Amino acid sequence: MVLYIVRHGETDWNVEHRYLGSTDLPLNERGLEQAAVLADRFQDISLAAVYASDLTRSYQTAEIIGRLHGLQVSVLPELREISFGDWEGLSESEIAERYGADLYRKWKEDPGVIPIPRGESLEKLLARSLAGIEKIKARHFKERTLLVTHGGNMMALGCHFNDEPLSRFWDYFPGNSAVYTLTMKDDELTLVPGLEE
């Protein structure tokens, strides 16, 4: 099994460095261009299916890739971005000002332990992301599939598949339209950055 895990293209809040989370924004013009470039990268790879989270930016990216393969996008809500709760729509400086620089610094240093006000924990994010991958694995064993998800999901999965604690969350930060490749051989799953054919 080969599963390509892709981060959606750019949105306006990505440009403004605002916490987007579960807020549903579309791709901006550059994000649409990034999705088209992704489609070109995958055009010679035979895909069995294309999946996306239930957020517009993810679905749009997946739809542009899937179109070249004649594939409809299947939606998996388990793949949606972490909820940043009260922090959604805010920049780092706004979070520090409203909720305290000390709390925000501690969260950046150890996001696996420090809770986001009215937000989702990294443990919950990871659990549902893995549940989504298990669904894809069950449906497409020994096939190549692609899913478009979000930065938070990819960072949590990076920690998990590299046997790292969630405190290393930020070590796996992917840019917009980044690709990870998850392969399974002899029941062992391996995640690497980049596109591996």
N, C-alpha and C. Protein backbone atom coordinates (compact mmCIF):
# COMPACT_ATOMS: atom_id res chain seq x y z
N MET A 1 0.84 -1.19 0.00
CA MET A 1 0.00 0.00 0.00
C MET A 1 0.87 1.24 0.00
N VAL A 2 0.50 2.20 -0.82
CA VAL A 2 1.15 3.51 -0.81
C VAL A 2 0.06 4.57 -0.66
N LEU A 3 0.19 5.41 0.34
CA LEU A 3 -0.77 6.48 0.58
C LEU A 3 -0.03 7.82 0.56
N TYR A 4 -0.42 8.67 -0.37
CA TYR A 4 0.17 10.00 -0.46
C TYR A 4 -0.67 10.95 0.39
N ILE A 5 -0.03 11.58 1.35
CA ILE A 5 -0.73 12.49 2.27
C ILE A 5 -0.29 13.91 1.92
N VAL A 6 -1.26 14.73 1.52
CA VAL A 6 -0.97 16.05 0.96
C VAL A 6 -1.62 17.14 1.81
N ARG A 7 -0.89 18.22 2.05
CA ARG A 7 -1.51 19.39 2.68
C ARG A 7 -2.15 20.24 1.59
N HIS A 8 -3.31 20.79 1.91
CA HIS A 8 -4.05 21.65 0.98
C HIS A 8 -3.22 22.85 0.54
N GLY A 9 -3.65 23.50 -0.52
CA GLY A 9 -3.01 24.73 -0.99
C GLY A 9 -3.29 25.91 -0.08
N GLU A 10 -2.73 27.02 -0.44
CA GLU A 10 -2.75 28.22 0.40
C GLU A 10 -4.13 28.87 0.49
N THR A 11 -4.41 29.45 1.67
CA THR A 11 -5.59 30.28 1.89
C THR A 11 -5.13 31.67 2.34
N ASP A 12 -6.06 32.60 2.37
CA ASP A 12 -5.69 33.96 2.80
C ASP A 12 -5.19 33.98 4.24
N TRP A 13 -5.77 33.16 5.12
CA TRP A 13 -5.32 33.14 6.51
C TRP A 13 -3.94 32.52 6.64
N ASN A 14 -3.57 31.61 5.76
CA ASN A 14 -2.20 31.10 5.77
C ASN A 14 -1.22 32.24 5.50
N VAL A 15 -1.57 33.10 4.54
CA VAL A 15 -0.72 34.24 4.21
C VAL A 15 -0.60 35.19 5.40
N GLU A 16 -1.70 35.38 6.12
CA GLU A 16 -1.74 36.30 7.25
C GLU A 16 -1.25 35.66 8.55
N HIS A 17 -0.86 34.39 8.48
CA HIS A 17 -0.37 33.65 9.65
C HIS A 17 -1.40 33.64 10.77
N ARG A 18 -2.65 33.36 10.38
CA ARG A 18 -3.73 33.23 11.35
C ARG A 18 -4.07 31.76 11.55
N TYR A 19 -4.42 31.39 12.77
CA TYR A 19 -4.79 30.01 13.06
C TYR A 19 -6.13 29.71 12.39
N LEU A 20 -6.10 28.77 11.46
CA LEU A 20 -7.27 28.48 10.62
C LEU A 20 -8.13 27.38 11.23
N GLY A 21 -7.51 26.26 11.58
CA GLY A 21 -8.23 25.19 12.25
C GLY A 21 -9.45 24.71 11.50
N SER A 22 -10.57 24.61 12.19
CA SER A 22 -11.79 24.08 11.58
C SER A 22 -12.62 25.15 10.87
N THR A 23 -12.12 26.41 10.86
CA THR A 23 -12.80 27.46 10.10
C THR A 23 -12.70 27.10 8.61
N ASP A 24 -13.82 27.24 7.91
CA ASP A 24 -13.88 26.75 6.52
C ASP A 24 -13.65 27.88 5.53
N LEU A 25 -12.42 28.00 5.06
CA LEU A 25 -12.07 28.99 4.05
C LEU A 25 -11.64 28.30 2.77
N PRO A 26 -11.89 28.93 1.60
CA PRO A 26 -11.45 28.34 0.33
C PRO A 26 -9.98 28.64 0.05
N LEU A 27 -9.45 28.01 -0.97
CA LEU A 27 -8.12 28.34 -1.45
C LEU A 27 -8.11 29.75 -2.03
N ASN A 28 -6.99 30.43 -1.91
CA ASN A 28 -6.84 31.69 -2.63
C ASN A 28 -6.25 31.39 -4.02
N GLU A 29 -5.93 32.43 -4.76
CA GLU A 29 -5.45 32.22 -6.13
C GLU A 29 -4.16 31.40 -6.16
N ARG A 30 -3.25 31.72 -5.24
CA ARG A 30 -2.00 30.96 -5.19
C ARG A 30 -2.26 29.51 -4.79
N GLY A 31 -3.24 29.31 -3.89
CA GLY A 31 -3.58 27.95 -3.48
C GLY A 31 -4.12 27.12 -4.63
N LEU A 32 -4.90 27.73 -5.50
CA LEU A 32 -5.41 27.03 -6.69
C LEU A 32 -4.26 26.68 -7.62
N GLU A 33 -3.29 27.59 -7.74
CA GLU A 33 -2.11 27.31 -8.57
C GLU A 33 -1.29 26.16 -7.97
N GLN A 34 -1.15 26.14 -6.65
CA GLN A 34 -0.42 25.07 -6.00
C GLN A 34 -1.10 23.72 -6.23
N ALA A 35 -2.43 23.71 -6.19
CA ALA A 35 -3.16 22.47 -6.43
C ALA A 35 -2.95 21.98 -7.86
N ALA A 36 -2.89 22.92 -8.81
CA ALA A 36 -2.64 22.54 -10.21
C ALA A 36 -1.24 21.95 -10.37
N VAL A 37 -0.26 22.52 -9.65
CA VAL A 37 1.11 21.97 -9.69
C VAL A 37 1.12 20.56 -9.09
N LEU A 38 0.39 20.36 -8.00
CA LEU A 38 0.29 19.03 -7.40
C LEU A 38 -0.30 18.03 -8.39
N ALA A 39 -1.35 18.47 -9.10
CA ALA A 39 -1.97 17.59 -10.09
C ALA A 39 -0.96 17.16 -11.14
N ASP A 40 -0.12 18.08 -11.56
CA ASP A 40 0.94 17.74 -12.53
C ASP A 40 1.92 16.73 -11.95
N ARG A 41 2.27 16.90 -10.68
CA ARG A 41 3.21 15.97 -10.04
C ARG A 41 2.66 14.55 -9.98
N PHE A 42 1.34 14.44 -9.85
CA PHE A 42 0.72 13.12 -9.71
C PHE A 42 0.16 12.56 -11.02
N GLN A 43 0.31 13.28 -12.11
CA GLN A 43 -0.38 12.86 -13.34
C GLN A 43 0.09 11.51 -13.87
N ASP A 44 1.35 11.13 -13.60
CA ASP A 44 1.85 9.85 -14.10
C ASP A 44 1.80 8.73 -13.07
N ILE A 45 1.16 9.01 -11.94
CA ILE A 45 1.01 8.00 -10.89
C ILE A 45 -0.43 7.48 -10.93
N SER A 46 -0.58 6.18 -11.02
CA SER A 46 -1.91 5.58 -11.07
C SER A 46 -2.52 5.55 -9.67
N LEU A 47 -3.58 6.31 -9.48
CA LEU A 47 -4.24 6.39 -8.17
C LEU A 47 -5.56 5.63 -8.20
N ALA A 48 -5.82 4.89 -7.14
CA ALA A 48 -7.08 4.15 -7.03
C ALA A 48 -8.20 5.03 -6.52
N ALA A 49 -7.85 6.03 -5.72
CA ALA A 49 -8.88 6.89 -5.13
C ALA A 49 -8.23 8.17 -4.60
N VAL A 50 -9.07 9.19 -4.45
CA VAL A 50 -8.63 10.47 -3.87
C VAL A 50 -9.59 10.83 -2.74
N TYR A 51 -9.03 11.14 -1.58
CA TYR A 51 -9.81 11.49 -0.39
C TYR A 51 -9.48 12.91 0.05
N ALA A 52 -10.40 13.50 0.79
CA ALA A 52 -10.18 14.84 1.36
C ALA A 52 -10.94 14.96 2.66
N SER A 53 -10.52 15.91 3.48
CA SER A 53 -11.30 16.25 4.66
C SER A 53 -12.58 16.95 4.20
N ASP A 54 -13.42 17.27 5.14
CA ASP A 54 -14.70 17.91 4.80
C ASP A 54 -14.61 19.43 4.79
N LEU A 55 -13.39 19.98 4.78
CA LEU A 55 -13.21 21.42 4.71
C LEU A 55 -12.89 21.83 3.27
N THR A 56 -13.41 22.97 2.84
CA THR A 56 -13.36 23.39 1.44
C THR A 56 -11.95 23.42 0.88
N ARG A 57 -10.99 23.95 1.63
CA ARG A 57 -9.64 24.08 1.10
C ARG A 57 -9.01 22.73 0.76
N SER A 58 -9.36 21.74 1.55
CA SER A 58 -8.86 20.38 1.32
C SER A 58 -9.57 19.76 0.12
N TYR A 59 -10.90 19.92 0.09
CA TYR A 59 -11.68 19.33 -1.00
C TYR A 59 -11.30 19.93 -2.36
N GLN A 60 -11.12 21.25 -2.39
CA GLN A 60 -10.75 21.91 -3.64
C GLN A 60 -9.42 21.36 -4.17
N THR A 61 -8.45 21.23 -3.28
CA THR A 61 -7.14 20.71 -3.68
C THR A 61 -7.28 19.29 -4.23
N ALA A 62 -8.02 18.46 -3.52
CA ALA A 62 -8.21 17.07 -3.95
C ALA A 62 -8.96 16.98 -5.27
N GLU A 63 -9.93 17.85 -5.46
CA GLU A 63 -10.74 17.82 -6.68
C GLU A 63 -9.88 18.13 -7.92
N ILE A 64 -8.98 19.09 -7.78
CA ILE A 64 -8.10 19.46 -8.90
C ILE A 64 -7.17 18.30 -9.25
N ILE A 65 -6.66 17.59 -8.24
CA ILE A 65 -5.81 16.43 -8.48
C ILE A 65 -6.64 15.28 -9.07
N GLY A 66 -7.78 15.01 -8.48
CA GLY A 66 -8.60 13.89 -8.91
C GLY A 66 -9.13 14.02 -10.33
N ARG A 67 -9.36 15.26 -10.75
CA ARG A 67 -9.92 15.50 -12.08
C ARG A 67 -9.03 14.91 -13.17
N LEU A 68 -7.71 15.02 -13.02
CA LEU A 68 -6.78 14.48 -14.02
C LEU A 68 -6.84 12.96 -14.10
N HIS A 69 -7.29 12.34 -13.03
CA HIS A 69 -7.36 10.88 -12.97
C HIS A 69 -8.78 10.36 -13.19
N GLY A 70 -9.71 11.28 -13.44
CA GLY A 70 -11.10 10.87 -13.61
C GLY A 70 -11.70 10.33 -12.33
N LEU A 71 -11.24 10.82 -11.18
CA LEU A 71 -11.69 10.30 -9.88
C LEU A 71 -12.51 11.33 -9.13
N GLN A 72 -13.63 10.90 -8.58
CA GLN A 72 -14.41 11.75 -7.68
C GLN A 72 -13.75 11.74 -6.31
N VAL A 73 -13.84 12.84 -5.61
CA VAL A 73 -13.25 12.94 -4.27
C VAL A 73 -14.19 12.33 -3.24
N SER A 74 -13.65 11.45 -2.41
CA SER A 74 -14.40 10.90 -1.28
C SER A 74 -14.05 11.71 -0.03
N VAL A 75 -15.06 12.08 0.73
CA VAL A 75 -14.84 12.92 1.91
C VAL A 75 -14.75 12.07 3.17
N LEU A 76 -13.72 12.34 3.97
CA LEU A 76 -13.56 11.69 5.28
C LEU A 76 -13.44 12.78 6.35
N PRO A 77 -14.48 12.99 7.15
CA PRO A 77 -14.43 14.02 8.19
C PRO A 77 -13.29 13.81 9.20
N GLU A 78 -12.85 12.56 9.34
CA GLU A 78 -11.75 12.29 10.28
C GLU A 78 -10.48 13.05 9.91
N LEU A 79 -10.38 13.48 8.67
CA LEU A 79 -9.17 14.13 8.18
C LEU A 79 -9.19 15.64 8.34
N ARG A 80 -10.23 16.20 8.97
CA ARG A 80 -10.29 17.65 9.10
C ARG A 80 -9.24 18.16 10.09
N GLU A 81 -8.91 19.43 9.94
CA GLU A 81 -7.88 20.06 10.78
C GLU A 81 -8.31 20.10 12.24
N ILE A 82 -7.32 20.20 13.12
CA ILE A 82 -7.58 20.37 14.54
C ILE A 82 -8.41 21.63 14.76
N SER A 83 -9.29 21.58 15.75
CA SER A 83 -10.01 22.78 16.15
C SER A 83 -9.13 23.59 17.09
N PHE A 84 -8.87 24.84 16.70
CA PHE A 84 -8.08 25.71 17.55
C PHE A 84 -8.96 26.51 18.52
N GLY A 85 -10.23 26.16 18.62
CA GLY A 85 -11.10 26.76 19.61
C GLY A 85 -11.09 28.28 19.57
N ASP A 86 -10.82 28.90 20.72
CA ASP A 86 -10.85 30.35 20.83
C ASP A 86 -9.74 31.04 20.03
N TRP A 87 -8.76 30.27 19.57
CA TRP A 87 -7.64 30.87 18.86
C TRP A 87 -7.87 31.00 17.36
N GLU A 88 -8.94 30.43 16.85
CA GLU A 88 -9.16 30.45 15.40
C GLU A 88 -9.35 31.88 14.91
N GLY A 89 -8.66 32.19 13.83
CA GLY A 89 -8.73 33.52 13.24
C GLY A 89 -7.73 34.50 13.82
N LEU A 90 -6.99 34.08 14.86
CA LEU A 90 -6.05 34.97 15.52
C LEU A 90 -4.62 34.71 15.06
N SER A 91 -3.81 35.75 15.09
CA SER A 91 -2.38 35.62 14.82
C SER A 91 -1.67 35.25 16.12
N GLU A 92 -0.40 34.91 16.02
CA GLU A 92 0.37 34.58 17.23
C GLU A 92 0.38 35.74 18.22
N SER A 93 0.59 36.95 17.72
CA SER A 93 0.66 38.10 18.62
C SER A 93 -0.69 38.36 19.28
N GLU A 94 -1.78 38.15 18.56
CA GLU A 94 -3.12 38.35 19.13
C GLU A 94 -3.41 37.30 20.20
N ILE A 95 -2.99 36.06 19.96
CA ILE A 95 -3.18 35.01 20.96
C ILE A 95 -2.41 35.35 22.23
N ALA A 96 -1.14 35.75 22.07
CA ALA A 96 -0.31 36.09 23.22
C ALA A 96 -0.90 37.26 24.00
N GLU A 97 -1.45 38.23 23.29
CA GLU A 97 -2.02 39.41 23.94
C GLU A 97 -3.29 39.07 24.70
N ARG A 98 -4.16 38.25 24.10
CA ARG A 98 -5.48 37.97 24.71
C ARG A 98 -5.42 36.86 25.76
N TYR A 99 -4.54 35.86 25.55
CA TYR A 99 -4.54 34.69 26.42
C TYR A 99 -3.27 34.55 27.25
N GLY A 100 -2.36 35.48 27.06
CA GLY A 100 -1.13 35.47 27.85
C GLY A 100 0.04 34.88 27.09
N ALA A 101 1.12 35.64 27.05
CA ALA A 101 2.32 35.20 26.33
C ALA A 101 2.88 33.92 26.92
N ASP A 102 2.73 33.74 28.24
CA ASP A 102 3.27 32.56 28.90
C ASP A 102 2.54 31.29 28.47
N LEU A 103 1.20 31.36 28.41
CA LEU A 103 0.41 30.20 27.97
C LEU A 103 0.76 29.85 26.53
N TYR A 104 0.84 30.85 25.68
CA TYR A 104 1.12 30.57 24.28
C TYR A 104 2.53 30.00 24.10
N ARG A 105 3.48 30.54 24.83
CA ARG A 105 4.86 30.02 24.76
C ARG A 105 4.91 28.57 25.20
N LYS A 106 4.20 28.25 26.29
CA LYS A 106 4.18 26.87 26.80
C LYS A 106 3.52 25.94 25.78
N TRP A 107 2.46 26.42 25.13
CA TRP A 107 1.80 25.58 24.13
C TRP A 107 2.73 25.32 22.94
N LYS A 108 3.45 26.34 22.49
CA LYS A 108 4.38 26.15 21.38
C LYS A 108 5.50 25.17 21.77
N GLU A 109 5.91 25.21 23.03
CA GLU A 109 7.00 24.34 23.49
C GLU A 109 6.54 22.91 23.69
N ASP A 110 5.31 22.71 24.14
CA ASP A 110 4.81 21.35 24.39
C ASP A 110 3.32 21.26 24.09
N PRO A 111 2.96 21.30 22.80
CA PRO A 111 1.53 21.32 22.43
C PRO A 111 0.80 20.03 22.76
N GLY A 112 1.55 18.97 23.04
CA GLY A 112 0.88 17.72 23.41
C GLY A 112 0.33 17.73 24.82
N VAL A 113 0.75 18.71 25.62
CA VAL A 113 0.35 18.75 27.03
C VAL A 113 -0.53 19.96 27.34
N ILE A 114 -0.19 21.12 26.77
CA ILE A 114 -0.92 22.36 27.08
C ILE A 114 -2.19 22.44 26.25
N PRO A 115 -3.37 22.56 26.88
CA PRO A 115 -4.62 22.60 26.12
C PRO A 115 -4.88 23.97 25.47
N ILE A 116 -5.52 23.93 24.32
CA ILE A 116 -5.98 25.15 23.65
C ILE A 116 -7.34 25.50 24.24
N PRO A 117 -7.58 26.75 24.64
CA PRO A 117 -8.89 27.11 25.20
C PRO A 117 -10.04 26.74 24.25
N ARG A 118 -10.89 25.87 24.74
CA ARG A 118 -12.06 25.36 23.99
C ARG A 118 -11.66 24.72 22.65
N GLY A 119 -10.41 24.26 22.57
CA GLY A 119 -9.92 23.62 21.35
C GLY A 119 -9.81 22.11 21.52
N GLU A 120 -9.20 21.50 20.54
CA GLU A 120 -9.06 20.06 20.48
C GLU A 120 -7.64 19.66 20.91
N SER A 121 -7.51 18.53 21.55
CA SER A 121 -6.18 18.06 21.94
C SER A 121 -5.48 17.38 20.77
N LEU A 122 -4.16 17.35 20.82
CA LEU A 122 -3.41 16.66 19.78
C LEU A 122 -3.68 15.16 19.81
N GLU A 123 -3.94 14.62 21.00
CA GLU A 123 -4.26 13.19 21.11
C GLU A 123 -5.52 12.86 20.33
N LYS A 124 -6.54 13.71 20.46
CA LYS A 124 -7.79 13.47 19.74
C LYS A 124 -7.57 13.64 18.24
N LEU A 125 -6.82 14.66 17.85
CA LEU A 125 -6.51 14.87 16.43
C LEU A 125 -5.82 13.64 15.84
N LEU A 126 -4.82 13.13 16.54
CA LEU A 126 -4.09 11.97 16.05
C LEU A 126 -4.99 10.75 15.97
N ALA A 127 -5.81 10.53 16.99
CA ALA A 127 -6.68 9.35 17.00
C ALA A 127 -7.63 9.34 15.82
N ARG A 128 -8.24 10.47 15.52
CA ARG A 128 -9.19 10.46 14.41
C ARG A 128 -8.48 10.44 13.06
N SER A 129 -7.28 11.03 12.99
CA SER A 129 -6.50 10.95 11.75
C SER A 129 -6.13 9.51 11.44
N LEU A 130 -5.71 8.78 12.47
CA LEU A 130 -5.37 7.37 12.29
C LEU A 130 -6.60 6.55 11.93
N ALA A 131 -7.76 6.91 12.50
CA ALA A 131 -8.99 6.21 12.14
C ALA A 131 -9.33 6.41 10.67
N GLY A 132 -9.10 7.62 10.16
CA GLY A 132 -9.33 7.88 8.74
C GLY A 132 -8.39 7.07 7.87
N ILE A 133 -7.12 6.99 8.26
CA ILE A 133 -6.16 6.21 7.49
C ILE A 133 -6.52 4.72 7.51
N GLU A 134 -7.01 4.23 8.64
CA GLU A 134 -7.43 2.83 8.72
C GLU A 134 -8.58 2.54 7.75
N LYS A 135 -9.49 3.48 7.60
CA LYS A 135 -10.59 3.31 6.64
C LYS A 135 -10.05 3.20 5.21
N ILE A 136 -9.10 4.07 4.89
CA ILE A 136 -8.51 4.04 3.55
C ILE A 136 -7.75 2.74 3.35
N LYS A 137 -7.02 2.34 4.35
CA LYS A 137 -6.23 1.10 4.27
C LYS A 137 -7.15 -0.11 4.03
N ALA A 138 -8.26 -0.14 4.72
CA ALA A 138 -9.19 -1.26 4.56
C ALA A 138 -9.81 -1.30 3.16
N ARG A 139 -10.04 -0.13 2.59
CA ARG A 139 -10.68 -0.06 1.27
C ARG A 139 -9.70 -0.23 0.11
N HIS A 140 -8.44 0.12 0.34
CA HIS A 140 -7.49 0.19 -0.78
C HIS A 140 -6.17 -0.52 -0.47
N PHE A 141 -6.28 -1.65 0.18
CA PHE A 141 -5.09 -2.44 0.49
C PHE A 141 -4.37 -2.80 -0.80
N LYS A 142 -3.06 -2.56 -0.82
CA LYS A 142 -2.20 -2.85 -1.98
C LYS A 142 -2.45 -1.92 -3.17
N GLU A 143 -3.07 -0.77 -2.91
CA GLU A 143 -3.28 0.22 -3.98
C GLU A 143 -2.60 1.53 -3.61
N ARG A 144 -2.49 2.40 -4.61
CA ARG A 144 -1.97 3.75 -4.38
C ARG A 144 -3.16 4.70 -4.27
N THR A 145 -3.22 5.40 -3.16
CA THR A 145 -4.30 6.35 -2.95
C THR A 145 -3.71 7.68 -2.48
N LEU A 146 -4.53 8.71 -2.53
CA LEU A 146 -4.09 10.04 -2.13
C LEU A 146 -5.13 10.66 -1.22
N LEU A 147 -4.67 11.32 -0.17
CA LEU A 147 -5.60 12.06 0.67
C LEU A 147 -5.07 13.47 0.87
N VAL A 148 -5.98 14.42 0.85
CA VAL A 148 -5.62 15.82 1.11
C VAL A 148 -6.17 16.18 2.48
N THR A 149 -5.27 16.60 3.33
CA THR A 149 -5.64 16.93 4.70
C THR A 149 -5.01 18.26 5.10
N HIS A 150 -4.56 18.38 6.33
CA HIS A 150 -4.14 19.67 6.88
C HIS A 150 -2.82 19.55 7.62
N GLY A 151 -2.22 20.71 7.91
CA GLY A 151 -0.93 20.73 8.56
C GLY A 151 -0.92 20.02 9.90
N GLY A 152 -1.93 20.28 10.73
CA GLY A 152 -1.98 19.66 12.05
C GLY A 152 -2.02 18.15 11.98
N ASN A 153 -2.85 17.61 11.07
CA ASN A 153 -2.94 16.16 10.91
C ASN A 153 -1.59 15.59 10.51
N MET A 154 -0.92 16.25 9.56
CA MET A 154 0.36 15.74 9.06
C MET A 154 1.43 15.80 10.13
N MET A 155 1.41 16.83 10.97
CA MET A 155 2.39 16.93 12.04
C MET A 155 2.17 15.84 13.10
N ALA A 156 0.91 15.61 13.45
CA ALA A 156 0.60 14.56 14.43
C ALA A 156 0.98 13.18 13.87
N LEU A 157 0.69 12.96 12.60
CA LEU A 157 1.06 11.68 11.98
C LEU A 157 2.57 11.54 11.87
N GLY A 158 3.26 12.63 11.62
CA GLY A 158 4.72 12.59 11.59
C GLY A 158 5.29 12.12 12.91
N CYS A 159 4.77 12.66 14.01
CA CYS A 159 5.20 12.21 15.34
C CYS A 159 4.92 10.73 15.52
N HIS A 160 3.70 10.32 15.19
CA HIS A 160 3.27 8.94 15.42
C HIS A 160 4.13 7.94 14.66
N PHE A 161 4.29 8.15 13.36
CA PHE A 161 4.98 7.16 12.54
C PHE A 161 6.50 7.21 12.70
N ASN A 162 7.01 8.22 13.36
CA ASN A 162 8.44 8.28 13.66
C ASN A 162 8.73 8.04 15.13
N ASP A 163 7.71 7.52 15.84
CA ASP A 163 7.84 7.17 17.26
C ASP A 163 8.34 8.34 18.09
N GLU A 164 7.81 9.52 17.79
CA GLU A 164 8.16 10.73 18.53
C GLU A 164 6.98 11.16 19.40
N PRO A 165 7.22 11.78 20.55
CA PRO A 165 6.11 12.31 21.34
C PRO A 165 5.48 13.50 20.64
N LEU A 166 4.25 13.79 20.99
CA LEU A 166 3.54 14.92 20.37
C LEU A 166 4.16 16.26 20.73
N SER A 167 5.06 16.28 21.70
CA SER A 167 5.79 17.52 21.99
C SER A 167 6.69 17.91 20.82
N ARG A 168 6.98 16.97 19.90
CA ARG A 168 7.81 17.25 18.72
C ARG A 168 6.95 17.65 17.52
N PHE A 169 5.68 17.95 17.79
CA PHE A 169 4.68 18.31 16.78
C PHE A 169 5.23 19.29 15.74
N TRP A 170 5.86 20.38 16.19
CA TRP A 170 6.29 21.43 15.26
C TRP A 170 7.47 21.01 14.39
N ASP A 171 8.15 19.94 14.76
CA ASP A 171 9.27 19.46 13.93
C ASP A 171 8.80 18.97 12.56
N TYR A 172 7.51 18.66 12.46
CA TYR A 172 6.98 18.07 11.22
C TYR A 172 6.10 19.04 10.44
N PHE A 173 6.28 20.33 10.68
CA PHE A 173 5.43 21.33 10.02
C PHE A 173 5.61 21.28 8.50
N PRO A 174 4.53 21.05 7.74
CA PRO A 174 4.61 21.02 6.28
C PRO A 174 4.11 22.34 5.68
N GLY A 175 4.72 22.79 4.63
CA GLY A 175 4.21 23.96 3.93
C GLY A 175 2.94 23.61 3.16
N ASN A 176 2.27 24.63 2.66
CA ASN A 176 1.10 24.37 1.82
C ASN A 176 1.50 23.54 0.61
N SER A 177 0.71 22.55 0.30
CA SER A 177 0.87 21.60 -0.82
C SER A 177 2.03 20.63 -0.63
N ALA A 178 2.54 20.51 0.61
CA ALA A 178 3.58 19.52 0.90
C ALA A 178 3.01 18.11 0.78
N VAL A 179 3.90 17.15 0.53
CA VAL A 179 3.50 15.75 0.35
C VAL A 179 4.31 14.86 1.30
N TYR A 180 3.62 13.94 1.98
CA TYR A 180 4.26 12.84 2.71
C TYR A 180 3.86 11.56 1.98
N THR A 181 4.72 10.55 2.03
CA THR A 181 4.39 9.24 1.47
C THR A 181 4.38 8.21 2.58
N LEU A 182 3.24 7.54 2.75
CA LEU A 182 3.08 6.48 3.75
C LEU A 182 3.04 5.15 3.02
N THR A 183 3.99 4.27 3.32
CA THR A 183 4.04 2.96 2.66
C THR A 183 3.86 1.85 3.69
N MET A 184 3.30 0.74 3.25
CA MET A 184 3.17 -0.41 4.12
C MET A 184 3.81 -1.62 3.46
N LYS A 185 4.79 -2.20 4.13
CA LYS A 185 5.43 -3.43 3.67
C LYS A 185 5.52 -4.37 4.86
N ASP A 186 5.04 -5.60 4.66
CA ASP A 186 5.06 -6.60 5.74
C ASP A 186 4.41 -6.06 7.00
N ASP A 187 3.26 -5.39 6.82
CA ASP A 187 2.48 -4.83 7.93
C ASP A 187 3.17 -3.70 8.68
N GLU A 188 4.29 -3.22 8.16
CA GLU A 188 4.98 -2.10 8.80
C GLU A 188 4.75 -0.83 8.00
N LEU A 189 4.25 0.23 8.68
CA LEU A 189 3.96 1.49 8.03
C LEU A 189 5.15 2.44 8.21
N THR A 190 5.56 3.08 7.12
CA THR A 190 6.67 4.02 7.15
C THR A 190 6.25 5.32 6.48
N LEU A 191 6.50 6.44 7.16
CA LEU A 191 6.13 7.75 6.64
C LEU A 191 7.41 8.53 6.32
N VAL A 192 7.49 9.04 5.10
CA VAL A 192 8.66 9.85 4.72
C VAL A 192 8.18 11.14 4.07
N PRO A 193 8.92 12.25 4.22
CA PRO A 193 8.54 13.49 3.53
C PRO A 193 8.82 13.36 2.04
N GLY A 194 7.99 14.00 1.23
CA GLY A 194 8.20 14.01 -0.19
C GLY A 194 7.38 12.97 -0.92
N LEU A 195 7.51 12.98 -2.23
CA LEU A 195 6.75 12.08 -3.10
C LEU A 195 7.66 10.93 -3.51
N GLU A 196 7.32 9.74 -3.04
CA GLU A 196 8.07 8.54 -3.42
C GLU A 196 7.19 7.64 -4.27
N GLU A 197 7.69 7.26 -5.43
CA GLU A 197 6.91 6.42 -6.33
C GLU A 197 7.28 4.96 -6.16
